[in-house]
Protein backbone atom coordinates (compact mmCIF):
# COMPACT_ATOMS: atom_id res chain seq x y z
CA MET A 1 6.74 -39.54 2.89
CA THR A 2 9.94 -37.62 2.25
CA GLU A 3 12.43 -36.62 4.88
CA PHE A 4 11.28 -33.04 4.44
CA ASN A 5 8.00 -33.87 6.12
CA THR A 6 9.89 -34.05 9.42
CA ILE A 7 10.99 -30.43 9.15
CA ASN A 8 9.32 -27.91 11.43
CA THR A 9 7.14 -26.02 8.97
CA ARG A 10 5.11 -23.93 11.38
CA ASN A 11 4.69 -20.34 10.24
CA THR A 12 6.91 -18.02 12.22
CA GLY A 13 7.17 -15.05 9.92
CA SER A 14 3.72 -14.26 8.52
CA ILE A 15 1.98 -11.07 9.50
CA ASN A 16 -1.09 -11.69 11.67
CA SER A 17 -0.62 -15.41 11.16
CA SER A 18 -3.43 -16.12 13.63
CA LEU A 19 -5.90 -14.93 11.00
CA HIS A 20 -6.06 -18.04 8.85
CA SER A 21 -8.05 -18.57 5.67
CA SER A 22 -10.70 -20.70 7.37
CA GLU A 23 -11.42 -17.93 9.85
CA PHE A 24 -11.67 -15.38 7.06
CA ASN A 25 -14.07 -17.64 5.16
CA GLU A 26 -16.30 -17.91 8.22
CA LEU A 27 -16.04 -14.20 8.91
CA PHE A 28 -16.92 -13.15 5.37
CA GLN A 29 -19.23 -15.94 4.22
CA SER A 30 -22.00 -13.33 4.15
CA LYS A 31 -21.05 -9.93 2.83
CA ASP A 32 -20.86 -7.12 5.35
CA THR A 33 -23.75 -4.75 4.75
CA ARG A 34 -22.82 -2.26 7.41
CA ASP A 35 -21.25 0.09 4.88
CA ASP A 36 -20.34 0.35 1.24
CA GLN A 37 -16.74 -0.84 1.54
CA PRO A 38 -15.83 -4.24 0.00
CA TYR A 39 -16.44 -7.11 2.41
CA TRP A 40 -12.91 -8.46 1.87
CA LEU A 41 -11.11 -5.20 2.71
CA ASP A 42 -10.71 -6.06 6.40
CA CYS A 43 -8.51 -8.98 5.35
CA PHE A 44 -5.62 -6.58 4.75
CA PRO A 45 -4.97 -4.63 7.97
CA GLU A 46 -1.22 -4.53 7.32
CA ILE A 47 -1.53 -2.92 3.88
CA VAL A 48 -1.92 0.87 3.75
CA GLY A 49 -3.67 2.31 0.69
CA ARG A 50 -7.32 2.49 -0.26
CA SER A 51 -7.09 4.26 -3.62
CA PRO A 52 -9.16 2.76 -6.47
CA LYS A 53 -6.09 1.14 -8.01
CA MET A 54 -5.00 -0.44 -4.73
CA LEU A 55 -8.53 -1.66 -4.05
CA LYS A 56 -8.41 -3.44 -7.40
CA VAL A 57 -5.10 -5.06 -6.42
CA LEU A 58 -6.42 -6.18 -3.05
CA GLU A 59 -9.56 -7.62 -4.59
CA THR A 60 -7.42 -9.69 -6.96
CA VAL A 61 -5.19 -10.81 -4.10
CA TYR A 62 -8.20 -11.91 -2.05
CA LYS A 63 -9.62 -13.95 -4.94
CA ILE A 64 -6.39 -15.77 -5.79
CA SER A 65 -5.26 -16.43 -2.21
CA PHE A 66 -7.33 -19.59 -1.82
CA SER A 67 -5.77 -21.23 -4.89
CA ASN A 68 -2.58 -23.30 -5.05
CA SER A 69 -1.60 -21.98 -8.48
CA SER A 70 1.58 -19.98 -9.09
CA VAL A 71 1.44 -16.19 -8.78
CA LEU A 72 3.57 -13.64 -10.63
CA ILE A 73 3.69 -10.19 -9.02
CA ASN A 74 4.93 -7.37 -11.23
CA GLY A 75 5.76 -3.89 -9.99
CA GLU A 76 8.51 -1.33 -9.66
CA SER A 77 11.07 -1.57 -6.90
CA GLY A 78 9.70 -0.44 -3.56
CA THR A 79 6.00 -0.96 -4.30
CA GLY A 80 5.55 -3.69 -1.68
CA LYS A 81 5.66 -6.93 -3.66
CA GLU A 82 6.81 -9.04 -0.71
CA LEU A 83 4.06 -7.56 1.49
CA ILE A 84 1.47 -8.63 -1.09
CA ALA A 85 3.07 -12.09 -1.34
CA SER A 86 2.91 -12.45 2.44
CA ALA A 87 -0.77 -11.46 2.42
CA ILE A 88 -1.52 -14.10 -0.23
CA HIS A 89 0.15 -16.74 1.94
CA ARG A 90 -1.61 -15.58 5.11
CA LEU A 91 -5.04 -15.90 3.49
CA SER A 92 -4.26 -19.22 1.82
CA PRO A 93 -4.90 -22.78 3.08
CA ARG A 94 -1.12 -22.95 3.59
CA ALA A 95 -1.12 -20.21 6.23
CA SER A 96 -0.13 -22.61 9.04
CA LYS A 97 3.06 -23.55 7.16
CA LYS A 98 6.15 -21.51 6.39
CA PHE A 99 6.42 -18.46 4.15
CA VAL A 100 10.01 -18.45 2.88
CA ALA A 101 11.44 -15.58 0.82
CA ILE A 102 14.63 -15.27 -1.23
CA ASN A 103 16.01 -12.54 -3.48
CA CYS A 104 17.27 -14.27 -6.62
CA SER A 105 19.42 -11.31 -7.69
CA ALA A 106 21.29 -11.02 -4.39
CA ILE A 107 22.93 -14.48 -4.44
CA PRO A 108 25.58 -15.78 -6.91
CA GLU A 109 24.45 -18.56 -9.26
CA THR A 110 26.55 -21.27 -7.59
CA LEU A 111 25.11 -20.48 -4.17
CA LEU A 112 21.56 -19.85 -5.40
CA GLU A 113 21.15 -23.45 -6.55
CA SER A 114 22.23 -24.71 -3.14
CA GLU A 115 19.95 -22.21 -1.41
CA LEU A 116 16.93 -23.35 -3.40
CA PHE A 117 17.43 -27.10 -3.67
CA GLY A 118 19.92 -27.89 -0.91
CA HIS A 119 23.10 -29.95 -1.28
CA GLU A 120 24.64 -33.21 -0.16
CA LYS A 121 27.77 -33.46 1.93
CA GLY A 122 30.83 -33.02 -0.31
CA ALA A 123 28.80 -31.61 -3.23
CA PHE A 124 31.35 -28.81 -3.58
CA THR A 125 34.35 -27.39 -1.74
CA GLY A 126 33.24 -26.31 1.69
CA ALA A 127 30.08 -28.45 1.75
CA SER A 128 31.06 -30.26 4.94
CA THR A 129 27.49 -31.13 5.89
CA LYS A 130 24.22 -31.88 4.16
CA ARG A 131 21.95 -28.87 3.76
CA ILE A 132 18.19 -28.74 3.19
CA GLY A 133 17.26 -26.03 0.68
CA LEU A 134 14.37 -23.62 0.67
CA PHE A 135 12.10 -26.00 -1.24
CA GLY A 136 12.53 -28.42 1.64
CA GLN A 137 12.14 -25.77 4.32
CA ALA A 138 8.95 -24.41 2.72
CA ASP A 139 7.37 -27.87 2.29
CA GLY A 140 3.61 -27.46 2.55
CA GLY A 141 3.93 -23.69 2.55
CA THR A 142 4.86 -20.85 0.19
CA LEU A 143 8.17 -19.98 -1.46
CA PHE A 144 8.54 -16.35 -2.55
CA LEU A 145 11.08 -15.85 -5.35
CA ASP A 146 11.81 -12.13 -5.51
CA GLU A 147 13.51 -10.65 -8.60
CA ILE A 148 12.84 -13.85 -10.56
CA GLY A 149 13.82 -12.06 -13.77
CA ASP A 150 17.46 -12.10 -12.65
CA MET A 151 17.63 -15.87 -12.18
CA PRO A 152 20.29 -17.50 -14.43
CA LEU A 153 18.94 -19.52 -17.38
CA ARG A 154 20.43 -22.77 -16.10
CA LEU A 155 18.54 -22.50 -12.83
CA GLN A 156 15.40 -21.47 -14.69
CA SER A 157 15.41 -24.92 -16.29
CA LYS A 158 15.67 -26.64 -12.91
CA LEU A 159 12.92 -24.46 -11.46
CA LEU A 160 10.71 -25.29 -14.44
CA ARG A 161 11.06 -29.00 -13.70
CA VAL A 162 10.00 -28.48 -10.10
CA LEU A 163 6.92 -26.57 -11.24
CA GLN A 164 6.04 -29.23 -13.80
CA ASP A 165 6.86 -32.45 -11.94
CA LYS A 166 6.75 -31.28 -8.30
CA LYS A 167 10.12 -33.00 -7.81
CA PHE A 168 13.75 -31.89 -7.40
CA THR A 169 17.24 -33.21 -6.74
CA PRO A 170 19.64 -31.52 -4.28
CA LEU A 171 23.00 -30.35 -5.59
CA GLY A 172 25.43 -33.27 -5.75
CA GLY A 173 22.72 -35.78 -4.89
CA GLN A 174 21.07 -38.74 -6.58
CA ASN A 175 17.79 -38.99 -4.72
CA ILE A 176 14.66 -37.30 -6.06
CA TYR A 177 12.39 -35.57 -3.54
CA CYS A 178 8.77 -34.51 -3.86
CA SER A 179 7.88 -30.84 -3.50
CA ASP A 180 4.63 -29.48 -2.07
CA VAL A 181 5.29 -25.76 -2.35
CA ARG A 182 3.28 -22.90 -3.78
CA ILE A 183 5.44 -20.53 -5.80
CA ILE A 184 4.93 -16.76 -5.70
CA ALA A 185 7.42 -14.93 -7.92
CA ALA A 186 8.00 -11.20 -8.30
CA THR A 187 9.91 -8.99 -10.68
CA ASN A 188 10.41 -5.33 -11.51
CA ILE A 189 11.45 -5.98 -15.12
CA ASN A 190 9.37 -6.60 -18.24
CA LEU A 191 9.46 -10.38 -18.57
CA ASP A 192 7.86 -10.24 -22.03
CA ARG A 193 10.85 -8.27 -23.22
CA ALA A 194 13.25 -10.55 -21.33
CA VAL A 195 11.70 -13.54 -23.13
CA SER A 196 12.07 -11.88 -26.55
CA GLU A 197 15.71 -11.08 -25.75
CA GLY A 198 16.42 -14.68 -24.73
CA LYS A 199 17.07 -13.80 -21.09
CA PHE A 200 14.06 -15.63 -19.67
CA ARG A 201 12.48 -18.95 -20.63
CA LEU A 202 9.08 -18.66 -22.26
CA ASP A 203 7.85 -21.94 -20.80
CA LEU A 204 8.85 -20.86 -17.29
CA TYR A 205 7.11 -17.54 -17.82
CA TYR A 206 3.87 -19.35 -18.66
CA ARG A 207 4.25 -21.59 -15.61
CA LEU A 208 4.72 -18.63 -13.28
CA ASN A 209 2.20 -16.27 -14.84
CA VAL A 210 -0.90 -18.34 -14.01
CA LEU A 211 -2.23 -15.69 -11.62
CA PRO A 212 -0.72 -12.26 -12.44
CA VAL A 213 -0.81 -9.33 -10.01
CA TYR A 214 0.32 -5.82 -10.96
CA ILE A 215 1.13 -3.31 -8.21
CA PRO A 216 0.95 0.27 -9.52
CA PRO A 217 3.74 2.71 -8.58
CA LEU A 218 2.98 5.38 -6.01
CA ARG A 219 2.85 8.13 -8.65
CA GLU A 220 -0.19 6.39 -10.17
CA ARG A 221 -2.06 6.37 -6.86
CA PRO A 222 -1.20 9.66 -5.12
CA GLU A 223 -4.34 9.36 -3.00
CA ASP A 224 -2.44 6.87 -0.85
CA ILE A 225 0.41 9.26 -0.02
CA PRO A 226 -1.25 10.96 3.02
CA ASP A 227 -2.16 7.62 4.61
CA LEU A 228 1.35 6.26 4.06
CA LEU A 229 2.96 9.39 5.51
CA ASN A 230 0.69 9.13 8.54
CA LYS A 231 1.37 5.45 9.04
CA PHE A 232 5.14 5.63 8.83
CA LEU A 233 5.30 8.76 10.99
CA GLN A 234 3.19 7.05 13.64
CA ASN A 235 5.57 4.07 13.56
CA THR A 236 8.59 6.36 13.86
CA ASN A 237 7.03 8.30 16.74
CA LYS A 238 6.27 5.04 18.53
CA LEU A 239 9.85 3.80 18.15
CA SER A 240 11.34 7.11 19.30
CA GLY A 241 8.93 7.32 22.20
CA SER A 242 8.17 10.98 21.55
CA GLY A 243 4.87 10.83 19.70
CA SER A 244 5.08 14.55 18.88
CA CYS A 245 6.80 14.68 15.50
CA HIS A 246 4.59 16.01 12.70
CA PHE A 247 4.76 17.66 9.28
CA SER A 248 4.31 21.35 8.58
CA SER A 249 1.60 22.15 6.03
CA GLU A 250 4.23 23.39 3.54
CA ALA A 251 6.22 20.15 3.84
CA LEU A 252 3.05 18.12 3.34
CA THR A 253 2.21 19.99 0.16
CA ILE A 254 5.65 19.22 -1.28
CA LEU A 255 5.55 15.55 -0.31
CA CYS A 256 2.06 15.02 -1.73
CA GLN A 257 3.15 16.43 -5.09
CA TYR A 258 6.36 14.43 -5.36
CA PRO A 259 6.28 11.45 -7.83
CA TRP A 260 8.26 9.10 -5.54
CA PRO A 261 10.40 7.16 -8.04
CA GLY A 262 11.48 4.87 -5.20
CA ASN A 263 7.82 4.32 -4.29
CA VAL A 264 6.75 3.29 -0.77
CA ARG A 265 10.27 2.28 0.28
CA GLU A 266 11.57 5.76 -0.55
CA LEU A 267 8.69 7.37 1.33
CA GLN A 268 9.27 5.23 4.41
CA ASN A 269 12.99 5.95 4.48
CA LEU A 270 12.43 9.69 4.04
CA VAL A 271 9.95 9.83 6.93
CA GLU A 272 12.44 8.10 9.21
CA ARG A 273 15.26 10.42 8.13
CA MET A 274 13.17 13.58 8.49
CA SER A 275 11.97 12.52 11.93
CA ILE A 276 15.57 12.19 13.11
CA LEU A 277 16.71 15.47 11.54
CA SER A 278 13.76 17.35 13.02
CA LYS A 279 14.72 16.08 16.48
CA ASN A 280 11.24 14.63 16.93
CA SER A 281 9.57 18.00 16.47
CA VAL A 282 8.21 19.65 13.31
CA ILE A 283 9.29 18.39 9.88
CA THR A 284 9.64 21.63 7.92
CA VAL A 285 10.55 22.44 4.33
CA ASP A 286 14.06 23.45 5.39
CA ILE A 287 15.16 19.90 6.14
CA LEU A 288 13.61 18.30 3.04
CA PRO A 289 16.12 17.17 0.38
CA ASP A 290 16.65 19.61 -2.50
CA SER A 291 15.22 17.17 -5.07
CA TYR A 292 11.80 17.34 -3.39
CA LYS A 293 11.81 21.13 -3.15
CA ASN A 294 13.01 21.49 -6.74
CA TYR A 295 10.20 19.30 -8.00
CA HIS A 296 7.70 21.40 -6.08
CA ALA A 297 9.14 24.57 -7.64
CA GLN A 298 8.56 23.09 -11.09
CA ALA A 299 5.04 22.06 -10.09
CA SER A 300 4.29 25.61 -8.99
CA GLN A 301 5.21 26.78 -12.49
CA GLY A 302 2.75 24.35 -14.06
CA GLN A 303 5.38 21.89 -15.30
CA THR A 304 3.84 18.81 -13.65
CA VAL A 305 0.58 16.98 -14.18
CA LEU A 306 -0.49 16.94 -10.51
CA SER A 307 -2.68 19.99 -9.91
CA GLN A 308 -2.40 22.17 -6.83
CA GLU A 309 -6.09 21.56 -6.11
CA HIS A 310 -5.48 17.82 -6.06
CA THR A 311 -2.50 18.33 -3.76
CA ASN A 312 -4.52 20.47 -1.33
CA ASN A 313 -7.23 17.81 -1.21
CA MET A 314 -4.65 15.19 -0.29
CA VAL A 315 -2.95 17.38 2.29
CA SER A 316 -6.30 17.99 3.97
CA LYS A 317 -6.54 14.24 4.68
CA MET A 318 -3.52 14.31 6.97
CA THR A 319 -3.93 13.84 10.71
CA VAL A 320 -4.38 17.10 12.61
CA VAL A 321 -1.90 17.39 15.47
CA PRO A 322 -3.47 18.92 18.60
CA GLY A 323 -1.77 22.14 19.62
CA ASN A 324 -0.30 22.73 16.19
CA ILE A 325 -3.39 23.65 14.17
CA PRO A 326 -2.70 26.78 12.08
CA THR A 327 -5.34 29.48 12.43
CA ILE A 328 -6.62 32.22 10.13
CA PRO A 329 -5.76 35.74 11.39
CA THR A 330 -8.60 37.41 13.31
CA SER A 331 -8.85 40.22 10.77
CA THR A 332 -9.81 37.70 8.07
CA VAL A 333 -12.43 35.73 9.99
CA ASN A 334 -15.41 37.72 8.76
CA GLN A 335 -14.22 37.61 5.19
CA SER A 336 -13.60 33.88 5.47
CA THR A 337 -17.16 33.45 6.77
CA ASN A 338 -18.47 35.22 3.68
CA ILE A 339 -16.43 32.86 1.52
CA ASN A 340 -18.09 29.86 3.16
CA VAL A 341 -21.56 31.30 2.66
CA ASN A 342 -20.95 32.13 -1.00
CA LEU A 343 -19.43 28.75 -1.73
CA ASN A 344 -22.22 26.86 0.02
CA THR A 345 -24.80 28.82 -1.95
CA ASN A 346 -23.10 27.94 -5.21
CA LEU A 347 -22.86 24.29 -4.24
CA HIS A 348 -26.57 24.14 -3.50
CA THR A 349 -27.73 26.12 -6.54
CA ASN A 350 -25.60 24.34 -9.10
CA ALA A 351 -26.41 20.87 -7.81
CA LEU A 352 -30.14 21.53 -8.11
CA SER A 353 -30.11 23.42 -11.39
CA GLN A 354 -27.81 21.17 -13.38
CA ARG A 355 -29.05 17.83 -11.94
CA THR A 356 -25.84 16.16 -13.07
CA ASP A 357 -22.96 14.16 -11.67
CA PRO A 358 -21.33 16.31 -8.89
CA LYS A 359 -17.94 15.51 -10.40
CA ASN A 360 -18.93 17.37 -13.56
CA ILE A 361 -20.31 20.49 -11.87
CA GLN A 362 -18.35 23.72 -12.41
CA TYR A 363 -18.68 25.86 -9.28
CA ASP A 364 -18.70 29.64 -9.36
CA PHE A 365 -15.88 31.15 -7.30
CA SER A 366 -16.11 34.65 -8.77
CA ASN A 367 -17.29 36.17 -5.46
CA ILE A 368 -14.41 34.72 -3.47
CA GLU A 369 -11.51 37.08 -2.82
CA LEU A 370 -8.23 36.38 -1.10
CA PRO A 371 -7.80 38.56 2.01
CA GLN A 372 -5.07 41.19 1.72
CA GLU A 373 -3.08 39.61 4.54
CA GLY A 374 -3.53 36.11 3.07
CA ILE A 375 -4.78 32.88 4.66
CA ASP A 376 -3.49 29.45 5.59
CA ILE A 377 -4.91 27.54 2.59
CA VAL A 378 -4.52 24.10 4.17
CA ASN A 379 -6.30 25.16 7.35
CA TYR A 380 -9.01 26.91 5.34
CA ILE A 381 -9.67 23.85 3.16
CA GLU A 382 -9.83 21.65 6.25
CA GLN A 383 -12.37 23.99 7.89
CA LEU A 384 -14.40 23.99 4.68
CA GLU A 385 -14.35 20.19 4.58
CA ASN A 386 -15.42 20.01 8.23
CA HIS A 387 -18.26 22.45 7.57
CA LEU A 388 -19.56 20.50 4.56
CA THR A 389 -19.15 17.20 6.41
CA LEU A 390 -21.28 18.42 9.31
CA GLN A 391 -23.89 19.69 6.84
CA ALA A 392 -24.00 16.31 5.12
CA LEU A 393 -24.40 14.53 8.46
CA ASN A 394 -27.14 16.94 9.48
CA LYS A 395 -29.02 16.48 6.18
CA THR A 396 -28.90 12.69 6.54
CA SER A 397 -29.60 12.50 10.28
CA ASN A 398 -26.05 11.20 10.86
CA ASN A 399 -26.40 8.35 8.37
CA LYS A 400 -22.77 7.71 7.40
CA ASN A 401 -23.59 5.88 4.18
CA GLN A 402 -25.77 8.67 2.82
CA ALA A 403 -23.47 11.43 4.07
CA ALA A 404 -20.48 9.78 2.38
CA LYS A 405 -22.39 9.64 -0.91
CA LEU A 406 -23.29 13.33 -0.65
CA LEU A 407 -19.60 14.16 -0.17
CA GLY A 408 -18.32 11.75 -2.82
CA LEU A 409 -16.30 9.81 -0.24
CA ASN A 410 -15.88 6.20 0.76
CA ARG A 411 -17.75 5.55 4.02
CA THR A 412 -14.56 4.34 5.72
CA THR A 413 -12.78 7.57 4.75
CA LEU A 414 -15.64 9.65 6.17
CA VAL A 415 -15.71 7.75 9.48
CA GLU A 416 -11.93 8.04 9.87
CA ARG A 417 -12.10 11.78 9.16
CA ILE A 418 -14.85 12.22 11.75
CA LYS A 419 -12.82 10.30 14.33
CA LYS A 420 -9.54 12.10 13.66
CA ARG A 421 -11.09 15.56 13.65
CA LYS A 422 -13.58 14.75 16.42
CA LEU A 423 -16.44 16.29 14.48
CA ILE A 424 -19.16 14.29 16.23
CA GLN A 425 -19.32 11.63 18.93
CA LEU A 426 -19.38 8.21 17.27
CA GLN A 427 -21.64 5.50 18.62
CA GLU A 428 -20.58 1.92 19.34
CA PRO A 429 -18.22 0.47 16.69
CA SER A 430 -20.69 -2.32 15.90
CA LYS A 431 -23.20 0.31 14.82
CA GLU A 432 -20.94 2.87 13.22
CA LEU A 433 -17.87 1.21 11.69
């Protein structure tokens, strides 16, 4: 037994650390048949995003969590690599031990070696006491090496030995210590290219890349933008104690079209900034940075790939704030009613006559005219969605699975929409959710 076994290795930093892998195994040993969502999805309450690409990521994370093999997470800056690493640890058999994280690019080479492997007293100038490194602190747990691509070549060699032999020597020491640590590494650079350029060891790359995970940037999964905006705004409202700050429909349209080069981190920081500038009231277009408004202007001219229809669909997913619901002018109500009738007729006729995938149906909007005084498009689309949702529920006798299929939605998305918009009274959670 090494001296590191005497270190307190209880987990103090994992999210929901009380949910250990054994409990998840017991909970999900038989697949949940209550709805059509994956049985493992409830394992990730801290991760926002249920787009197809994120579901694929989470499925991979769930499968690899119970292994002890090394994981290499690749993704752009701000995509949430450490959050994924923490989830892997939380679901693993090592969940009761420590999850220790370090950014390899933020520490100079001379200090990074000491941080990782520790040092003996007198190992270098200023080393007045013996120090246990992160490999010792994380004994039995997980060590997360962020920005591994920036690690100096000399330290890459030492890390490779630890991965191969499960042993290491502290800086300035003679004794060899055993290491029982699972390594999760992350990078935002192309390691294949770094290897070809001689900046990263090929053998280390193979050792780390046993279980690869790729996190797509936010621009590749825009369906997650509304949920992320909602989540971070709720957090900000809770911290400020106001609970009243919300986005205007125009601001939402702009934010849902933006490509977010800084990914989730940029989105989170913007929500916090806008909440402060709006004085906990309405986040309007006026206070958005120029770069966001300029991108929207280009999108309006057809210079971006994200269609306005797609944007409106995403905006309609946002939480409706009571007391701030925009309404269609009274003079346009009758005309709007005619629009609903015409559209519903076309939906019904085309679906029966073509007998094809609803995604491939081309609907006839030739009878729809924009009222002279205009309408609130976001509010109109939301009312249309509510109307079709209630029709689907009525046709299926309130069967959420069948109604979701009629609407082309995930069941969870449908239930959340019903709850947020209070379309019908839900039954007990055990029966409905």
